Amino acid sequence: MNGKVLIVEDQFIEANHIQMVLEKAGYTVIAIAHDVRSALEIIDVTLPDLVLLDIYLKGNLTGIDLARVLRKRDIAFVYLSANSSREILDAAKSTQPYGFLVKPFREKDILVTLDIAHYLHQQKSELSKPQPPLDIPVNSALPTIVGSSPGLLEVMEKVRIAAPSDVSVLILGESGTGKEKIAESIHKLSDRRKHPFVRVNCAALPAALIESELFGHEKGAFTGASERRSGRFELAQNGTIFLDEIGELTLSMQAKLLHVLQEKQIDRIGGKTPIDLDIRIIAATNRNLEKEVAEGRFRLDLYYRLNVFPVALPPLRERKDDIMPLAIYFVQIFAAKFGKSVSGFSPSVSRQLVSYDWPGNIRELQHLIERSVLMSSGDTINGISLLNNAKAEISPEGGASKIKSMEEMERDYIIQILKKCSGRIAGTGGAAELLGLNVSTLNSRMKKLGINKSTTFFA
């Protein structure tokens, strides 16, 4: 970037240290301001490309107050912060900063954070430009997105905005909410739609082979490499790569992925020449990546590289209006598949479907309808087998109900499925199949939720 930077920091030693680091790296530090008033006066004279600002400053105004002004003036900013309360950090986050530098920080942290901030601001500017109408062929087969709830319509508007650009998209949402469908929609509405859309389930890749799977290898690169193989990134050339369950990658693979995103090149294992890439990145996760970053399991720099344009999918329990349209859609699909005449539901079944909380989301609904259609004998589904709706739990004393957290609900749901399968995870009729998950993904979720083979319900 090597642009103009304003430092807003009231600690003289820290401010001067940052100035030396930046100037050594080729940045121009236009000034050091010790309070908000001085900073605004400087900005009125010389417009910086980026502002580094401490949250706590001298005077009545804080860095958060200044950040609101910078946001209105479309000036990129990064917070400098020591340990702060959750309330202060939430207030800072609400101003939509381009990064956080948590004290104490290293020289490398400063430079990487500024580089990411510049990238994010540049991408935001690109998105704000008027986009030409999308030239979508009439017969283009977009993934079927069923529903018209406000939450879904908001998601589709974000898809429409993001699709024409090459901006990185991070799709967030619980398991089974349809993240892959949204990723595919973004690809098929983009200029890259005539090129490959390559799906990668990061949780399903074997740890020993993940680098080869992603980046490829040359013949003889390791034992068993009998021929050259192109990796998933190379197969996605000129198209889109969808990195599902990105939060499951190890820290070492996160570092390699970050290098690919920064350099736009890959190196096959055993290769001697880097391969240039021209691809779009879409990632997805059901994890809270901010929490993963805070607990040291996900790289902050990679998070900011991926989280340029976040799209959050609401769970099915927040899309009640979409449950019956989805159910009817799945009935039509599976009736045709199994040669059945079933076309709808009895009123009581419809009420059950709408009142259920769907901890497994759309995937759970799909699998339930598939089983129900297969077992049906008429044109109406008159009964369904729902697991207990574990939203609330009544205390033994008969007191007020205790509302469970999402993780508790997910844990209960997985345990009930495991009971139904007598503890069997893999294979036909196993828990992974019923949940619509890869076996390794289910094992990962069980480990995180503290579910193991020694638990008594497997007996």
Protein backbone atom coordinates (compact mmCIF):
# COMPACT_ATOMS: atom_id res chain seq x y z
CA MET A 1 0.00 0.00 0.00
CA ASN A 2 2.64 2.55 1.15
CA GLY A 3 0.06 5.31 1.65
CA LYS A 4 -0.51 8.20 4.04
CA VAL A 5 -1.26 7.25 7.65
CA LEU A 6 -2.46 9.33 10.60
CA ILE A 7 -1.63 7.94 14.04
CA VAL A 8 -4.04 8.90 16.83
CA GLU A 9 -2.38 7.77 20.06
CA ASP A 10 -1.82 9.67 23.32
CA GLN A 11 1.07 7.49 24.50
CA PHE A 12 4.22 9.17 23.14
CA ILE A 13 6.49 6.10 23.20
CA GLU A 14 3.94 3.83 21.48
CA ALA A 15 3.08 6.44 18.84
CA ASN A 16 6.73 6.97 17.95
CA HIS A 17 7.39 3.24 17.78
CA ILE A 18 4.52 2.82 15.31
CA GLN A 19 5.77 5.77 13.27
CA MET A 20 9.24 4.23 12.95
CA VAL A 21 7.79 0.86 11.91
CA LEU A 22 5.57 2.44 9.26
CA GLU A 23 8.20 4.76 7.80
CA LYS A 24 10.68 1.89 7.63
CA ALA A 25 8.10 -0.02 5.56
CA GLY A 26 7.60 2.90 3.16
CA TYR A 27 4.46 4.50 4.60
CA THR A 28 4.13 8.26 5.03
CA VAL A 29 3.04 9.25 8.53
CA ILE A 30 1.35 12.62 8.06
CA ALA A 31 1.10 13.33 11.80
CA ILE A 32 0.60 12.01 15.32
CA ALA A 33 -2.51 13.30 17.09
CA HIS A 34 -3.06 12.90 20.82
CA ASP A 35 -6.81 13.56 20.89
CA VAL A 36 -9.87 13.60 18.64
CA ARG A 37 -9.93 17.39 18.17
CA SER A 38 -6.33 17.45 16.91
CA ALA A 39 -7.00 14.49 14.64
CA LEU A 40 -9.98 16.19 13.00
CA GLU A 41 -7.97 19.36 12.42
CA ILE A 42 -5.23 17.35 10.71
CA ILE A 43 -7.74 15.45 8.54
CA ASP A 44 -9.28 18.74 7.40
CA VAL A 45 -5.87 19.80 6.04
CA THR A 46 -4.43 16.47 4.80
CA LEU A 47 -6.66 13.52 4.03
CA PRO A 48 -5.03 10.24 5.16
CA ASP A 49 -5.47 6.91 3.40
CA LEU A 50 -5.78 5.20 6.76
CA VAL A 51 -5.99 6.11 10.45
CA LEU A 52 -4.54 4.11 13.33
CA LEU A 53 -6.45 5.16 16.44
CA ASP A 54 -6.39 4.19 20.07
CA ILE A 55 -9.76 3.67 21.75
CA TYR A 56 -8.82 5.54 24.94
CA LEU A 57 -7.60 9.10 24.29
CA LYS A 58 -7.12 12.34 26.18
CA GLY A 59 -10.19 14.56 26.44
CA ASN A 60 -13.91 13.81 26.49
CA LEU A 61 -14.01 12.05 23.12
CA THR A 62 -12.76 8.52 22.48
CA GLY A 63 -11.38 6.75 19.44
CA ILE A 64 -14.86 5.29 18.94
CA ASP A 65 -16.26 8.82 18.55
CA LEU A 66 -13.59 9.59 15.95
CA ALA A 67 -14.27 6.28 14.18
CA ARG A 68 -17.89 7.31 13.55
CA VAL A 69 -16.65 10.47 11.80
CA LEU A 70 -14.12 8.50 9.76
CA ARG A 71 -16.81 6.03 8.69
CA LYS A 72 -18.98 8.90 7.41
CA ARG A 73 -16.01 10.34 5.49
CA ASP A 74 -15.11 6.91 4.07
CA ILE A 75 -11.63 6.89 5.62
CA ALA A 76 -10.29 3.45 6.55
CA PHE A 77 -9.30 3.01 10.19
CA VAL A 78 -7.79 0.39 12.47
CA TYR A 79 -8.15 0.37 16.24
CA LEU A 80 -5.21 0.20 18.62
CA SER A 81 -6.48 -1.42 21.77
CA ALA A 82 -5.27 -2.77 25.08
CA ASN A 83 -7.50 -5.13 27.06
CA SER A 84 -10.97 -3.60 27.07
CA SER A 85 -14.32 -4.57 28.48
CA ARG A 86 -16.81 -6.49 26.34
CA GLU A 87 -19.02 -3.38 26.28
CA ILE A 88 -16.21 -1.22 24.88
CA LEU A 89 -15.21 -3.82 22.30
CA ASP A 90 -18.81 -4.23 21.16
CA ALA A 91 -19.12 -0.45 20.76
CA ALA A 92 -15.88 -0.39 18.75
CA LYS A 93 -17.04 -3.28 16.58
CA SER A 94 -20.29 -1.45 15.79
CA THR A 95 -18.29 1.23 13.95
CA GLN A 96 -17.16 -1.44 11.43
CA PRO A 97 -13.38 -0.99 11.68
CA TYR A 98 -11.00 -2.41 9.10
CA GLY A 99 -9.03 -4.19 11.80
CA PHE A 100 -7.89 -4.36 15.41
CA LEU A 101 -4.34 -4.24 16.73
CA VAL A 102 -4.30 -5.54 20.29
CA LYS A 103 -1.46 -4.26 22.46
CA PRO A 104 1.25 -5.37 22.76
CA PHE A 105 1.76 -6.02 19.05
CA ARG A 106 4.72 -6.91 16.87
CA GLU A 107 6.06 -5.02 13.89
CA LYS A 108 4.72 -7.76 11.62
CA ASP A 109 1.24 -7.42 13.18
CA ILE A 110 1.12 -3.72 12.30
CA LEU A 111 2.14 -4.20 8.68
CA VAL A 112 -0.14 -7.19 8.04
CA THR A 113 -3.11 -5.41 9.61
CA LEU A 114 -2.57 -2.28 7.50
CA ASP A 115 -2.23 -4.38 4.37
CA ILE A 116 -5.53 -6.13 5.13
CA ALA A 117 -7.25 -2.82 5.98
CA HIS A 118 -6.20 -1.38 2.62
CA TYR A 119 -7.49 -4.51 0.86
CA LEU A 120 -10.85 -4.38 2.65
CA HIS A 121 -11.31 -0.68 1.93
CA GLN A 122 -10.41 -1.19 -1.72
CA GLN A 123 -12.96 -4.02 -2.01
CA LYS A 124 -15.62 -1.89 -0.33
CA SER A 125 -14.98 0.89 -2.85
CA GLU A 126 -15.33 -1.57 -5.72
CA LEU A 127 -18.66 -2.82 -4.35
CA SER A 128 -20.00 0.74 -4.04
CA LYS A 129 -19.48 1.45 -7.75
CA PRO A 130 -22.54 1.09 -10.01
CA GLN A 131 -22.60 -2.43 -11.40
CA PRO A 132 -23.58 -3.17 -15.00
CA PRO A 133 -26.69 -5.33 -15.45
CA LEU A 134 -25.95 -9.02 -15.23
CA ASP A 135 -26.13 -10.75 -18.59
CA ILE A 136 -27.63 -14.00 -17.37
CA PRO A 137 -28.70 -16.51 -20.01
CA VAL A 138 -32.42 -17.29 -19.88
CA ASN A 139 -31.74 -21.00 -19.48
CA SER A 140 -29.12 -20.63 -16.76
CA ALA A 141 -29.93 -23.13 -14.01
CA LEU A 142 -29.63 -21.25 -10.72
CA PRO A 143 -29.82 -23.34 -7.56
CA THR A 144 -33.37 -23.50 -6.24
CA ILE A 145 -33.73 -21.11 -3.32
CA VAL A 146 -37.21 -21.66 -1.87
CA GLY A 147 -38.91 -19.12 0.37
CA SER A 148 -39.90 -15.49 0.71
CA SER A 149 -39.31 -14.69 4.39
CA PRO A 150 -37.71 -11.31 5.18
CA GLY A 151 -34.51 -13.02 6.35
CA LEU A 152 -34.12 -14.96 3.11
CA LEU A 153 -34.93 -11.93 0.94
CA GLU A 154 -32.20 -9.98 2.75
CA VAL A 155 -29.72 -12.76 2.01
CA MET A 156 -30.67 -12.82 -1.67
CA GLU A 157 -30.21 -9.06 -1.92
CA LYS A 158 -26.67 -9.49 -0.59
CA VAL A 159 -26.11 -12.25 -3.15
CA ARG A 160 -27.23 -9.87 -5.90
CA ILE A 161 -24.85 -7.15 -4.68
CA ALA A 162 -21.83 -9.41 -4.23
CA ALA A 163 -22.18 -11.59 -7.32
CA PRO A 164 -20.89 -9.24 -10.06
CA SER A 165 -17.63 -8.43 -8.25
CA ASP A 166 -14.72 -10.69 -7.35
CA VAL A 167 -14.97 -9.79 -3.68
CA SER A 168 -14.32 -12.61 -1.19
CA VAL A 169 -17.55 -13.77 0.49
CA LEU A 170 -17.84 -15.46 3.88
CA ILE A 171 -21.14 -17.30 4.37
CA LEU A 172 -22.09 -17.80 8.01
CA GLY A 173 -24.81 -20.00 9.40
CA GLU A 174 -25.69 -23.15 11.28
CA SER A 175 -25.28 -26.57 9.70
CA GLY A 176 -28.01 -27.32 7.20
CA THR A 177 -29.03 -23.72 6.41
CA GLY A 178 -28.07 -23.94 2.73
CA LYS A 179 -24.67 -22.26 2.62
CA GLU A 180 -23.58 -24.22 -0.45
CA LYS A 181 -26.72 -23.18 -2.37
CA ILE A 182 -25.96 -19.53 -1.64
CA ALA A 183 -22.33 -19.96 -2.75
CA GLU A 184 -23.48 -21.61 -5.97
CA SER A 185 -25.96 -18.77 -6.58
CA ILE A 186 -23.20 -16.18 -6.22
CA HIS A 187 -21.08 -18.10 -8.74
CA LYS A 188 -23.90 -18.53 -11.26
CA LEU A 189 -24.80 -14.84 -11.09
CA SER A 190 -21.18 -13.78 -11.66
CA ASP A 191 -19.08 -13.29 -14.77
CA ARG A 192 -17.31 -16.55 -13.84
CA ARG A 193 -20.45 -18.70 -14.26
CA LYS A 194 -19.13 -20.36 -17.46
CA HIS A 195 -16.08 -21.59 -15.55
CA PRO A 196 -15.79 -24.23 -12.79
CA PHE A 197 -17.44 -24.06 -9.40
CA VAL A 198 -15.26 -26.29 -7.22
CA ARG A 199 -16.56 -27.40 -3.81
CA VAL A 200 -14.15 -28.26 -1.01
CA ASN A 201 -15.34 -29.66 2.33
CA CYS A 202 -12.41 -28.68 4.52
CA ALA A 203 -13.57 -30.94 7.35
CA ALA A 204 -13.67 -34.01 5.11
CA LEU A 205 -10.14 -33.74 3.70
CA PRO A 206 -7.68 -36.23 5.26
CA ALA A 207 -5.08 -34.33 7.33
CA ALA A 208 -2.18 -36.14 5.62
CA LEU A 209 -3.44 -35.35 2.12
CA ILE A 210 -5.05 -31.93 2.49
CA GLU A 211 -2.18 -29.95 0.97
CA SER A 212 -2.05 -32.27 -2.04
CA GLU A 213 -5.84 -32.10 -2.42
CA LEU A 214 -5.86 -28.32 -2.41
CA PHE A 215 -2.67 -27.48 -4.28
CA GLY A 216 -1.80 -30.64 -6.22
CA HIS A 217 1.50 -32.50 -6.53
CA GLU A 218 4.12 -33.53 -9.07
CA LYS A 219 4.90 -37.11 -9.96
CA GLY A 220 7.25 -38.59 -7.37
CA ALA A 221 6.72 -35.76 -4.88
CA PHE A 222 6.03 -38.32 -2.15
CA THR A 223 5.45 -42.05 -1.75
CA GLY A 224 2.43 -43.02 -3.81
CA ALA A 225 2.52 -39.95 -6.09
CA SER A 226 2.66 -41.98 -9.29
CA GLU A 227 1.53 -39.13 -11.53
CA ARG A 228 1.09 -35.38 -11.56
CA ARG A 229 -2.19 -34.25 -10.01
CA SER A 230 -3.92 -30.86 -10.14
CA GLY A 231 -5.32 -29.61 -6.84
CA ARG A 232 -8.74 -28.09 -6.22
CA PHE A 233 -7.44 -24.53 -6.58
CA GLU A 234 -5.97 -25.29 -9.98
CA LEU A 235 -9.20 -27.02 -11.08
CA ALA A 236 -11.11 -23.84 -10.18
CA GLN A 237 -9.00 -21.67 -12.51
CA ASN A 238 -11.06 -18.72 -13.86
CA GLY A 239 -14.00 -19.88 -11.76
CA THR A 240 -14.93 -20.06 -8.09
CA ILE A 241 -13.64 -22.20 -5.26
CA PHE A 242 -16.03 -22.79 -2.36
CA LEU A 243 -14.23 -23.61 0.89
CA ASP A 244 -16.93 -25.09 3.10
CA GLU A 245 -16.32 -25.53 6.84
CA ILE A 246 -13.25 -23.28 6.63
CA GLY A 247 -13.12 -23.18 10.43
CA GLU A 248 -11.99 -26.82 10.50
CA LEU A 249 -8.61 -26.12 8.85
CA THR A 250 -5.51 -26.51 11.02
CA LEU A 251 -3.43 -23.42 11.77
CA SER A 252 -0.65 -24.65 9.48
CA MET A 253 -3.08 -25.01 6.56
CA GLN A 254 -4.58 -21.63 7.38
CA ALA A 255 -1.11 -20.10 6.95
CA LYS A 256 -0.69 -21.79 3.56
CA LEU A 257 -4.15 -20.70 2.45
CA LEU A 258 -3.39 -17.11 3.49
CA HIS A 259 -0.23 -17.20 1.36
CA VAL A 260 -2.29 -18.33 -1.64
CA LEU A 261 -4.82 -15.53 -1.13
CA GLN A 262 -2.10 -12.90 -0.81
CA GLU A 263 0.15 -14.05 -3.66
CA LYS A 264 -2.60 -15.44 -5.93
CA GLN A 265 -0.31 -18.34 -6.66
CA ILE A 266 -0.02 -21.97 -5.64
CA ASP A 267 2.92 -24.35 -5.52
CA ARG A 268 2.26 -28.00 -6.26
CA ILE A 269 4.00 -30.31 -3.81
CA GLY A 270 7.34 -31.09 -5.44
CA GLY A 271 6.84 -28.33 -8.02
CA LYS A 272 9.52 -25.82 -8.98
CA THR A 273 7.42 -23.11 -10.62
CA PRO A 274 4.50 -21.26 -8.96
CA ILE A 275 1.17 -21.40 -10.78
CA ASP A 276 -0.72 -18.13 -11.12
CA LEU A 277 -4.37 -18.23 -10.07
CA ASP A 278 -7.38 -16.29 -11.27
CA ILE A 279 -10.20 -17.48 -9.04
CA ARG A 280 -12.86 -16.19 -6.72
CA ILE A 281 -12.94 -17.31 -3.08
CA ILE A 282 -16.16 -18.09 -1.23
CA ALA A 283 -15.85 -19.61 2.23
CA ALA A 284 -18.43 -20.86 4.71
CA THR A 285 -18.52 -21.93 8.33
CA ASN A 286 -20.95 -22.80 11.09
CA ARG A 287 -18.40 -21.64 13.67
CA ASN A 288 -18.10 -18.24 15.32
CA LEU A 289 -14.79 -17.26 13.72
CA GLU A 290 -14.35 -14.21 15.95
CA LYS A 291 -14.45 -16.53 18.95
CA GLU A 292 -12.08 -18.94 17.18
CA VAL A 293 -9.66 -16.04 16.58
CA ALA A 294 -9.90 -14.92 20.22
CA GLU A 295 -9.12 -18.46 21.40
CA GLY A 296 -6.18 -18.87 19.02
CA ARG A 297 -7.72 -21.46 16.71
CA PHE A 298 -8.14 -19.24 13.64
CA ARG A 299 -5.75 -16.68 12.20
CA LEU A 300 -6.86 -13.07 12.46
CA ASP A 301 -5.22 -12.11 9.15
CA LEU A 302 -6.97 -14.95 7.31
CA TYR A 303 -10.29 -14.02 8.93
CA TYR A 304 -10.04 -10.47 7.60
CA ARG A 305 -9.03 -11.74 4.14
CA LEU A 306 -12.12 -13.94 3.96
CA ASN A 307 -14.60 -11.69 5.77
CA VAL A 308 -14.72 -8.94 3.14
CA PHE A 309 -18.41 -9.45 2.41
CA PRO A 310 -20.17 -11.53 5.09
CA VAL A 311 -23.54 -13.16 4.37
CA ALA A 312 -25.33 -14.57 7.43
CA LEU A 313 -28.00 -17.21 6.79
CA PRO A 314 -30.85 -17.29 9.31
CA PRO A 315 -31.74 -20.70 10.80
CA LEU A 316 -34.99 -22.31 9.68
CA ARG A 317 -36.66 -21.61 13.06
CA GLU A 318 -36.35 -17.88 12.17
CA ARG A 319 -37.88 -18.50 8.74
CA LYS A 320 -41.22 -19.98 9.79
CA ASP A 321 -42.93 -18.65 6.64
CA ASP A 322 -40.56 -20.73 4.50
CA ILE A 323 -41.13 -24.10 6.20
CA MET A 324 -44.24 -25.19 4.28
CA PRO A 325 -43.04 -23.95 0.85
CA LEU A 326 -39.81 -25.92 1.43
CA ALA A 327 -41.74 -28.97 2.61
CA ILE A 328 -43.98 -28.91 -0.48
CA TYR A 329 -40.93 -28.46 -2.70
CA PHE A 330 -39.25 -31.53 -1.18
CA VAL A 331 -42.47 -33.54 -1.48
CA GLN A 332 -42.54 -32.82 -5.22
CA ILE A 333 -38.87 -33.80 -5.59
CA PHE A 334 -39.15 -37.09 -3.72
CA ALA A 335 -42.58 -38.05 -5.06
CA ALA A 336 -41.08 -37.91 -8.55
CA LYS A 337 -37.97 -39.78 -7.40
CA PHE A 338 -39.89 -42.65 -5.77
CA GLY A 339 -42.85 -42.71 -8.18
CA LYS A 340 -45.35 -41.76 -5.46
CA SER A 341 -48.62 -39.84 -5.77
CA VAL A 342 -48.17 -37.89 -2.52
CA SER A 343 -48.62 -34.14 -2.96
CA GLY A 344 -49.25 -32.58 0.44
CA PHE A 345 -49.75 -32.82 4.20
CA SER A 346 -52.66 -33.14 6.56
CA PRO A 347 -53.46 -30.01 8.63
CA SER A 348 -52.08 -31.61 11.81
CA VAL A 349 -48.78 -32.51 10.13
CA SER A 350 -48.50 -28.99 8.71
CA ARG A 351 -48.94 -27.57 12.21
CA GLN A 352 -46.25 -29.92 13.54
CA LEU A 353 -43.80 -28.90 10.80
CA VAL A 354 -44.28 -25.19 11.45
CA SER A 355 -44.10 -25.45 15.26
CA TYR A 356 -40.92 -27.58 15.30
CA ASP A 357 -37.62 -25.75 15.86
CA TRP A 358 -35.54 -27.66 13.27
CA PRO A 359 -32.11 -27.81 14.96
CA GLY A 360 -30.85 -29.53 11.80
CA ASN A 361 -32.39 -26.78 9.65
CA ILE A 362 -33.26 -27.34 5.97
CA ARG A 363 -31.18 -30.52 5.78
CA GLU A 364 -33.20 -32.08 8.59
CA LEU A 365 -36.46 -31.05 6.91
CA GLN A 366 -35.29 -32.51 3.59
CA HIS A 367 -34.38 -35.86 5.11
CA LEU A 368 -37.63 -36.03 7.08
CA ILE A 369 -39.72 -35.38 3.95
CA GLU A 370 -37.70 -37.94 1.99
CA ARG A 371 -38.42 -40.63 4.59
CA SER A 372 -42.07 -39.59 4.89
CA VAL A 373 -42.65 -39.70 1.12
CA LEU A 374 -40.95 -43.08 0.86
CA MET A 375 -43.22 -44.51 3.56
CA SER A 376 -46.42 -42.87 2.28
CA SER A 377 -49.22 -44.91 0.69
CA GLY A 378 -51.65 -42.18 -0.39
CA ASP A 379 -51.61 -38.66 -1.73
CA THR A 380 -51.29 -37.01 1.71
CA ILE A 381 -48.73 -37.39 4.49
CA ASN A 382 -50.80 -37.93 7.63
CA GLY A 383 -48.03 -38.61 10.13
CA ILE A 384 -44.41 -37.67 10.67
CA SER A 385 -41.73 -38.83 13.09
CA LEU A 386 -40.18 -35.73 14.66
CA LEU A 387 -37.58 -35.91 17.40
CA ASN A 388 -38.56 -34.25 20.66
CA ASN A 389 -38.42 -30.49 20.30
CA ALA A 390 -35.78 -29.74 22.95
CA LYS A 391 -36.16 -25.99 23.09
CA ALA A 392 -37.07 -25.77 26.76
CA GLU A 393 -36.57 -28.00 29.74
CA ILE A 394 -38.89 -28.05 32.78
CA SER A 395 -37.15 -28.31 36.13
CA PRO A 396 -38.00 -31.32 38.35
CA GLU A 397 -39.63 -28.97 40.82
CA GLY A 398 -42.03 -27.81 38.11
CA GLY A 399 -40.59 -24.33 38.01
CA ALA A 400 -40.02 -22.04 35.05
CA SER A 401 -38.54 -23.55 31.91
CA LYS A 402 -34.85 -23.20 31.19
CA ILE A 403 -34.14 -22.02 27.65
CA LYS A 404 -31.30 -24.01 26.15
CA SER A 405 -28.43 -22.55 24.19
CA MET A 406 -27.98 -23.47 20.52
CA GLU A 407 -25.03 -25.70 21.40
CA GLU A 408 -27.14 -27.52 24.02
CA MET A 409 -29.92 -27.99 21.50
CA GLU A 410 -27.49 -29.27 18.88
CA ARG A 411 -25.93 -31.65 21.41
CA ASP A 412 -29.36 -33.00 22.42
CA TYR A 413 -30.32 -33.44 18.78
CA ILE A 414 -27.17 -35.36 17.87
CA ILE A 415 -27.55 -37.56 20.98
CA GLN A 416 -31.14 -38.41 20.02
CA ILE A 417 -30.03 -39.33 16.49
CA LEU A 418 -27.24 -41.50 17.92
CA LYS A 419 -29.75 -43.24 20.19
CA LYS A 420 -31.93 -43.89 17.16
CA CYS A 421 -28.89 -45.46 15.40
CA SER A 422 -27.73 -47.37 18.50
CA GLY A 423 -24.55 -45.31 18.51
CA ARG A 424 -23.58 -46.16 14.92
CA ILE A 425 -22.05 -43.16 13.13
CA ALA A 426 -21.02 -44.36 9.65
CA GLY A 427 -22.69 -46.51 7.01
CA THR A 428 -26.25 -46.88 5.76
CA GLY A 429 -28.71 -45.80 8.43
CA GLY A 430 -25.93 -44.36 10.55
CA ALA A 431 -26.11 -41.02 12.36
CA ALA A 432 -24.01 -39.22 9.73
CA GLU A 433 -26.40 -40.28 6.97
CA LEU A 434 -29.51 -39.26 8.95
CA LEU A 435 -27.97 -35.89 9.76
CA GLY A 436 -26.76 -35.38 6.20
CA LEU A 437 -23.19 -34.85 7.39
CA ASN A 438 -19.83 -36.24 6.39
CA VAL A 439 -18.61 -38.78 8.97
CA SER A 440 -15.51 -36.69 9.78
CA THR A 441 -17.69 -33.58 10.17
CA LEU A 442 -19.99 -35.38 12.62
CA ASN A 443 -17.01 -36.68 14.58
CA SER A 444 -15.65 -33.12 14.76
CA ARG A 445 -18.99 -31.76 16.03
CA MET A 446 -19.26 -34.57 18.60
CA LYS A 447 -15.77 -33.81 19.90
CA LYS A 448 -16.56 -30.10 20.21
CA LEU A 449 -19.86 -30.80 21.99
CA GLY A 450 -18.33 -33.37 24.38
CA ILE A 451 -20.13 -36.40 22.95
CA ASN A 452 -18.07 -39.59 23.03
CA LYS A 453 -18.43 -43.35 22.78
CA SER A 454 -18.24 -43.82 26.54
CA THR A 455 -21.42 -41.81 27.06
CA THR A 456 -24.06 -43.99 28.69
CA PHE A 457 -26.71 -43.57 26.00
CA PHE A 458 -24.65 -45.79 23.69
CA ALA A 459 -25.13 -48.74 26.02
